[in-house]
C-alpha atoms as a PDB file:
ATOM      1  CA  MET A   1     104.824 119.468  96.773  1.00  0.00           C
ATOM      2  CA  GLU A   2     108.296 120.250  95.472  1.00  0.00           C
ATOM      3  CA  GLU A   3     109.905 119.398  98.832  1.00  0.00           C
ATOM      4  CA  GLN A   4     111.349 115.905  99.238  1.00  0.00           C
ATOM      5  CA  LEU A   5     109.779 115.183 102.664  1.00  0.00           C
ATOM      6  CA  HIS A   6     106.238 116.088 103.707  1.00  0.00           C
ATOM      7  CA  GLN A   7     105.091 115.426 107.277  1.00  0.00           C
ATOM      8  CA  ASP A   8     101.731 116.077 108.931  1.00  0.00           C
ATOM      9  CA  LYS A   9     100.362 117.998 105.948  1.00  0.00           C
ATOM     10  CA  THR A  10      96.928 118.180 104.393  1.00  0.00           C
ATOM     11  CA  PHE A  11      96.723 118.552 100.627  1.00  0.00           C
ATOM     12  CA  GLU A  12      93.262 119.689  99.593  1.00  0.00           C
ATOM     13  CA  LYS A  13      91.727 120.074  96.130  1.00  0.00           C
ATOM     14  CA  ILE A  14      95.027 119.629  94.302  1.00  0.00           C
ATOM     15  CA  ILE A  15      94.168 119.190  90.616  1.00  0.00           C
ATOM     16  CA  TYR A  16      97.235 117.608  89.018  1.00  0.00           C
ATOM     17  CA  PRO A  17      96.206 114.998  86.426  1.00  0.00           C
ATOM     18  CA  ASN A  18      98.674 113.526  83.921  1.00  0.00           C
ATOM     19  CA  LYS A  19     101.664 114.770  85.929  1.00  0.00           C
ATOM     20  CA  ALA A  20     104.597 113.065  87.631  1.00  0.00           C
ATOM     21  CA  ILE A  21     105.497 113.417  91.308  1.00  0.00           C
ATOM     22  CA  LYS A  22     108.454 111.154  92.001  1.00  0.00           C
ATOM     23  CA  GLY A  23     111.010 110.564  94.729  1.00  0.00           C
ATOM     24  CA  ARG A  24     109.002 112.163  97.542  1.00  0.00           C
ATOM     25  CA  GLU A  25     108.210 110.984 101.069  1.00  0.00           C
ATOM     26  CA  PHE A  26     104.841 111.595 102.705  1.00  0.00           C
ATOM     27  CA  GLU A  27     104.343 110.796 106.407  1.00  0.00           C
ATOM     28  CA  ASP A  28     101.059 111.314 108.264  1.00  0.00           C
ATOM     29  CA  CYS A  29      99.638 113.264 105.321  1.00  0.00           C
ATOM     30  CA  VAL A  30      96.024 113.588 104.205  1.00  0.00           C
ATOM     31  CA  PHE A  31      94.969 114.109 100.604  1.00  0.00           C
ATOM     32  CA  LYS A  32      91.387 115.426 100.257  1.00  0.00           C
ATOM     33  CA  ASN A  33      89.439 115.788  97.024  1.00  0.00           C
ATOM     34  CA  CYS A  34      92.576 115.715  94.875  1.00  0.00           C
ATOM     35  CA  ASP A  35      92.840 114.643  91.230  1.00  0.00           C
ATOM     36  CA  PHE A  36      96.041 112.776  90.367  1.00  0.00           C
ATOM     37  CA  SER A  37      94.456 110.654  87.622  1.00  0.00           C
ATOM     38  CA  ASN A  38      96.788 109.266  84.957  1.00  0.00           C
ATOM     39  CA  GLY A  39      99.702 110.571  87.009  1.00  0.00           C
ATOM     40  CA  ASP A  40     102.985 108.970  87.919  1.00  0.00           C
ATOM     41  CA  PHE A  41     103.772 108.568  91.639  1.00  0.00           C
ATOM     42  CA  SER A  42     106.590 106.097  91.045  1.00  0.00           C
ATOM     43  CA  HIS A  43     109.288 105.710  93.696  1.00  0.00           C
ATOM     44  CA  ASN A  44     107.433 107.670  96.378  1.00  0.00           C
ATOM     45  CA  ARG A  45     106.986 106.625  99.983  1.00  0.00           C
ATOM     46  CA  PHE A  46     103.629 106.988 101.758  1.00  0.00           C
ATOM     47  CA  THR A  47     103.551 106.170 105.485  1.00  0.00           C
ATOM     48  CA  ASP A  48     100.416 106.540 107.642  1.00  0.00           C
ATOM     49  CA  CYS A  49      98.663 108.542 104.904  1.00  0.00           C
ATOM     50  CA  GLU A  50      95.021 108.881 103.925  1.00  0.00           C
ATOM     51  CA  PHE A  51      93.396 109.646 100.570  1.00  0.00           C
ATOM     52  CA  VAL A  52      89.791 110.883 100.862  1.00  0.00           C
ATOM     53  CA  GLY A  53      87.552 111.623  97.890  1.00  0.00           C
ATOM     54  CA  CYS A  54      90.456 111.515  95.435  1.00  0.00           C
ATOM     55  CA  ASN A  55      90.616 110.570  91.767  1.00  0.00           C
ATOM     56  CA  LEU A  56      93.640 108.302  91.391  1.00  0.00           C
ATOM     57  CA  ALA A  57      92.461 106.433  88.301  1.00  0.00           C
ATOM     58  CA  MET A  58      95.301 104.896  86.272  1.00  0.00           C
ATOM     59  CA  LEU A  59      97.918 106.237  88.704  1.00  0.00           C
ATOM     60  CA  LYS A  60     101.361 104.637  88.308  1.00  0.00           C
ATOM     61  CA  LEU A  61     102.979 103.462  91.552  1.00  0.00           C
ATOM     62  CA  LEU A  62     106.078 101.656  90.281  1.00  0.00           C
ATOM     63  CA  GLY A  63     108.485 101.103  93.186  1.00  0.00           C
ATOM     64  CA  SER A  64     106.380 103.144  95.613  1.00  0.00           C
ATOM     65  CA  THR A  65     105.926 102.205  99.263  1.00  0.00           C
ATOM     66  CA  LEU A  66     102.402 102.139 100.702  1.00  0.00           C
ATOM     67  CA  ASN A  67     102.782 101.593 104.439  1.00  0.00           C
ATOM     68  CA  ASN A  68      99.537 101.893 106.400  1.00  0.00           C
ATOM     69  CA  VAL A  69      97.711 103.881 103.712  1.00  0.00           C
ATOM     70  CA  THR A  70      93.931 104.268 103.772  1.00  0.00           C
ATOM     71  CA  PHE A  71      91.822 105.109 100.745  1.00  0.00           C
ATOM     72  CA  LYS A  72      88.271 106.395 101.355  1.00  0.00           C
ATOM     73  CA  GLU A  73      85.608 107.333  98.833  1.00  0.00           C
ATOM     74  CA  SER A  74      88.238 107.404  96.088  1.00  0.00           C
ATOM     75  CA  LYS A  75      88.468 106.299  92.474  1.00  0.00           C
ATOM     76  CA  LEU A  76      91.358 103.851  91.988  1.00  0.00           C
ATOM     77  CA  THR A  77      90.430 102.191  88.694  1.00  0.00           C
ATOM     78  CA  GLY A  78      93.176 100.584  86.670  1.00  0.00           C
ATOM     79  CA  ILE A  79      95.937 100.860  89.288  1.00  0.00           C
ATOM     80  CA  ASN A  80      98.550  98.118  89.284  1.00  0.00           C
ATOM     81  CA  PHE A  81      99.316  97.709  93.005  1.00  0.00           C
ATOM     82  CA  SER A  82     101.567  94.764  92.184  1.00  0.00           C
ATOM     83  CA  GLU A  83     104.195  97.273  91.028  1.00  0.00           C
ATOM     84  CA  CYS A  84     104.484  98.759  94.526  1.00  0.00           C
ATOM     85  CA  GLU A  85     107.270  97.792  96.887  1.00  0.00           C
ATOM     86  CA  GLU A  86     106.335  94.590  98.651  1.00  0.00           C
ATOM     87  CA  PHE A  87     108.061  95.477 101.933  1.00  0.00           C
ATOM     88  CA  LEU A  88     105.653  97.132 104.421  1.00  0.00           C
ATOM     89  CA  PHE A  89     102.748  97.039 101.919  1.00  0.00           C
ATOM     90  CA  THR A  90      99.655  97.660 104.081  1.00  0.00           C
ATOM     91  CA  VAL A  91      96.521  99.297 102.713  1.00  0.00           C
ATOM     92  CA  ARG A  92      92.827  99.699 103.535  1.00  0.00           C
ATOM     93  CA  PHE A  93      89.963 100.608 101.206  1.00  0.00           C
ATOM     94  CA  GLU A  94      86.579 102.078 102.181  1.00  0.00           C
ATOM     95  CA  THR A  95      83.838 102.967  99.691  1.00  0.00           C
ATOM     96  CA  CYS A  96      86.221 102.970  96.732  1.00  0.00           C
ATOM     97  CA  LEU A  97      85.786 102.343  93.030  1.00  0.00           C
ATOM     98  CA  MET A  98      88.620  99.911  92.252  1.00  0.00           C
ATOM     99  CA  ASP A  99      87.557  98.200  89.043  1.00  0.00           C
ATOM    100  CA  TYR A 100      90.371  96.759  86.888  1.00  0.00           C
ATOM    101  CA  THR A 101      92.995  97.033  89.648  1.00  0.00           C
ATOM    102  CA  SER A 102      95.734  94.438  90.019  1.00  0.00           C
ATOM    103  CA  PHE A 103      97.040  92.842  93.192  1.00  0.00           C
ATOM    104  CA  LEU A 104      98.924  90.111  91.338  1.00  0.00           C
ATOM    105  CA  ARG A 105     101.266  88.230  93.713  1.00  0.00           C
ATOM    106  CA  ARG A 106     100.669  90.833  96.432  1.00  0.00           C
ATOM    107  CA  LYS A 107     101.009  89.779 100.086  1.00  0.00           C
ATOM    108  CA  MET A 108      98.244  91.597 101.907  1.00  0.00           C
ATOM    109  CA  PRO A 109      96.934  89.639 104.892  1.00  0.00           C
ATOM    110  CA  LYS A 110      94.207  91.289 106.965  1.00  0.00           C
ATOM    111  CA  THR A 111      93.486  93.887 104.281  1.00  0.00           C
ATOM    112  CA  HIS A 112      90.014  95.428 104.473  1.00  0.00           C
ATOM    113  CA  PHE A 113      87.913  96.128 101.399  1.00  0.00           C
ATOM    114  CA  ILE A 114      84.753  97.827 102.660  1.00  0.00           C
ATOM    115  CA  ASP A 115      81.755  98.907 100.542  1.00  0.00           C
ATOM    116  CA  SER A 116      83.901  98.904  97.417  1.00  0.00           C
ATOM    117  CA  SER A 117      83.720  97.820  93.793  1.00  0.00           C
ATOM    118  CA  LEU A 118      86.493  95.480  92.612  1.00  0.00           C
ATOM    119  CA  LYS A 119      85.019  94.422  89.293  1.00  0.00           C
ATOM    120  CA  ASN A 120      87.546  92.632  87.088  1.00  0.00           C
ATOM    121  CA  ALA A 121      90.281  93.062  89.702  1.00  0.00           C
ATOM    122  CA  VAL A 122      93.201  90.626  89.657  1.00  0.00           C
ATOM    123  CA  PHE A 123      94.034  88.713  92.845  1.00  0.00           C
ATOM    124  CA  GLU A 124      95.944  85.850  91.234  1.00  0.00           C
ATOM    125  CA  HIS A 125      98.739  84.404  93.401  1.00  0.00           C
ATOM    126  CA  ALA A 126      97.929  86.968  96.143  1.00  0.00           C
ATOM    127  CA  ASN A 127      97.950  86.257  99.874  1.00  0.00           C
ATOM    128  CA  LEU A 128      94.678  87.532 101.333  1.00  0.00           C
ATOM    129  CA  THR A 129      94.750  85.560 104.581  1.00  0.00           C
ATOM    130  CA  LYS A 130      92.192  87.015 107.012  1.00  0.00           C
ATOM    131  CA  ALA A 131      91.207  89.739 104.520  1.00  0.00           C
ATOM    132  CA  ARG A 132      87.716  91.242 104.761  1.00  0.00           C
ATOM    133  CA  PHE A 133      85.495  91.925 101.783  1.00  0.00           C
ATOM    134  CA  ASP A 134      82.565  93.724 103.406  1.00  0.00           C
ATOM    135  CA  ASN A 135      79.726  94.527 101.004  1.00  0.00           C
ATOM    136  CA  THR A 136      82.173  94.415  98.102  1.00  0.00           C
ATOM    137  CA  ASP A 137      81.343  93.696  94.450  1.00  0.00           C
ATOM    138  CA  LEU A 138      83.801  91.158  92.999  1.00  0.00           C
ATOM    139  CA  ALA A 139      82.144  90.624  89.599  1.00  0.00           C
ATOM    140  CA  GLY A 140      84.709  89.272  87.162  1.00  0.00           C
ATOM    141  CA  ALA A 141      87.529  89.402  89.743  1.00  0.00           C
ATOM    142  CA  ALA A 142      90.258  86.851  89.028  1.00  0.00           C
ATOM    143  CA  PHE A 143      91.188  84.452  91.828  1.00  0.00           C
ATOM    144  CA  GLU A 144      93.717  81.778  90.945  1.00  0.00           C
ATOM    145  CA  ARG A 145      96.253  80.275  93.323  1.00  0.00           C
ATOM    146  CA  THR A 146      95.062  82.901  95.787  1.00  0.00           C
ATOM    147  CA  ILE A 147      95.394  82.320  99.518  1.00  0.00           C
ATOM    148  CA  LEU A 148      92.076  83.199 101.143  1.00  0.00           C
ATOM    149  CA  ASN A 149      92.523  81.303 104.408  1.00  0.00           C
ATOM    150  CA  GLU A 150      90.183  82.709 107.079  1.00  0.00           C
ATOM    151  CA  ALA A 151      89.095  85.514 104.732  1.00  0.00           C
ATOM    152  CA  ASP A 152      85.638  86.991 105.317  1.00  0.00           C
ATOM    153  CA  LEU A 153      83.471  87.120 102.205  1.00  0.00           C
ATOM    154  CA  VAL A 154      80.119  86.795 103.983  1.00  0.00           C
ATOM    155  CA  THR A 155      78.741  90.065 102.574  1.00  0.00           C
ATOM    156  CA  ALA A 156      80.793  90.103  99.345  1.00  0.00           C
ATOM    157  CA  PHE A 157      78.889  89.419  96.152  1.00  0.00           C
ATOM    158  CA  ASN A 158      79.223  88.468  92.475  1.00  0.00           C
ATOM    159  CA  TYR A 159      82.420  86.504  93.017  1.00  0.00           C
ATOM    160  CA  ILE A 160      83.498  83.277  91.348  1.00  0.00           C
ATOM    161  CA  ILE A 161      86.171  81.459  93.347  1.00  0.00           C
ATOM    162  CA  ASP A 162      87.209  77.961  92.373  1.00  0.00           C
ATOM    163  CA  PRO A 163      87.977  75.996  95.581  1.00  0.00           C
ATOM    164  CA  GLU A 164      90.209  73.652  93.573  1.00  0.00           C
ATOM    165  CA  LEU A 165      92.446  76.483  92.332  1.00  0.00           C
ATOM    166  CA  ASN A 166      92.543  78.558  95.526  1.00  0.00           C
ATOM    167  CA  ASN A 167      93.270  77.987  99.190  1.00  0.00           C
ATOM    168  CA  ILE A 168      90.088  78.846 101.092  1.00  0.00           C
ATOM    169  CA  LYS A 169      90.608  76.981 104.368  1.00  0.00           C
ATOM    170  CA  LYS A 170      88.334  78.426 107.069  1.00  0.00           C
ATOM    171  CA  ALA A 171      87.225  81.285 104.793  1.00  0.00           C
ATOM    172  CA  ARG A 172      83.708  82.537 105.504  1.00  0.00           C
ATOM    173  CA  PHE A 173      80.996  82.764 102.849  1.00  0.00           C
ATOM    174  CA  SER A 174      77.234  83.329 102.956  1.00  0.00           C
ATOM    175  CA  GLN A 175      74.743  80.787 101.692  1.00  0.00           C
ATOM    176  CA  SER A 176      73.813  83.150  98.877  1.00  0.00           C
ATOM    177  CA  GLY A 177      77.468  83.165  97.783  1.00  0.00           C
ATOM    178  CA  LEU A 178      77.751  79.383  97.458  1.00  0.00           C
ATOM    179  CA  ALA A 179      76.912  79.545  93.759  1.00  0.00           C
ATOM    180  CA  GLY A 180      80.138  81.500  93.216  1.00  0.00           C
ATOM    181  CA  LEU A 181      82.074  78.570  94.671  1.00  0.00           C
ATOM    182  CA  LEU A 182      80.333  75.964  92.516  1.00  0.00           C
ATOM    183  CA  THR A 183      80.496  77.632  89.093  1.00  0.00           C
ATOM    184  CA  ARG A 184      83.056  75.216  87.662  1.00  0.00           C
ATOM    185  CA  TYR A 185      80.631  72.326  88.199  1.00  0.00           C
ATOM    186  CA  ASP A 186      77.904  73.902  86.050  1.00  0.00           C
ATOM    187  CA  ILE A 187      75.204  73.111  88.593  1.00  0.00           C
ATOM    188  CA  ARG A 188      72.269  75.195  89.731  1.00  0.00           C
ATOM    189  CA  VAL A 189      71.665  76.053  93.363  1.00  0.00           C
ATOM    190  CA  GLU A 190      68.034  76.929  94.072  1.00  0.00           C
END
């Protein structure tokens, strides 16, 4: 990975924890079963890339571009996505462990979170218009001044979202999730 530009490559079983890979461009690349945990990917550009079965826990992404990047069956705990470049930020997550991640002030309309764990994630001041949280655990996730207009949380669970502190116009919730919208009122729904 010493080259500056990587196109149409597959990186498989790269074990490179606690290391820095900076100033690189990756286009149409696939990363399979790699370990970049506690690494530093600052100031890299990822376009149309996919991470499958990777350990990216605590990865630093300061100033990195994530443009149409998909994460599948990967560990992404503790990543601060709010440090990524805002321009062209488009991501998708499927069956990922994403506890303690931060999307503070991130604009990410139509983002899909599928079969993932986002426990204690931060979504404060984020724009999640039309986002999908399919079968996603949001226990302890922080929503404040978050735009969730038309978001789909029908199969999401364990969330607490205060309708007075967030914009949830036309968002979709299940009946079983109503308690998570009424927590501030200290009432019981039976």
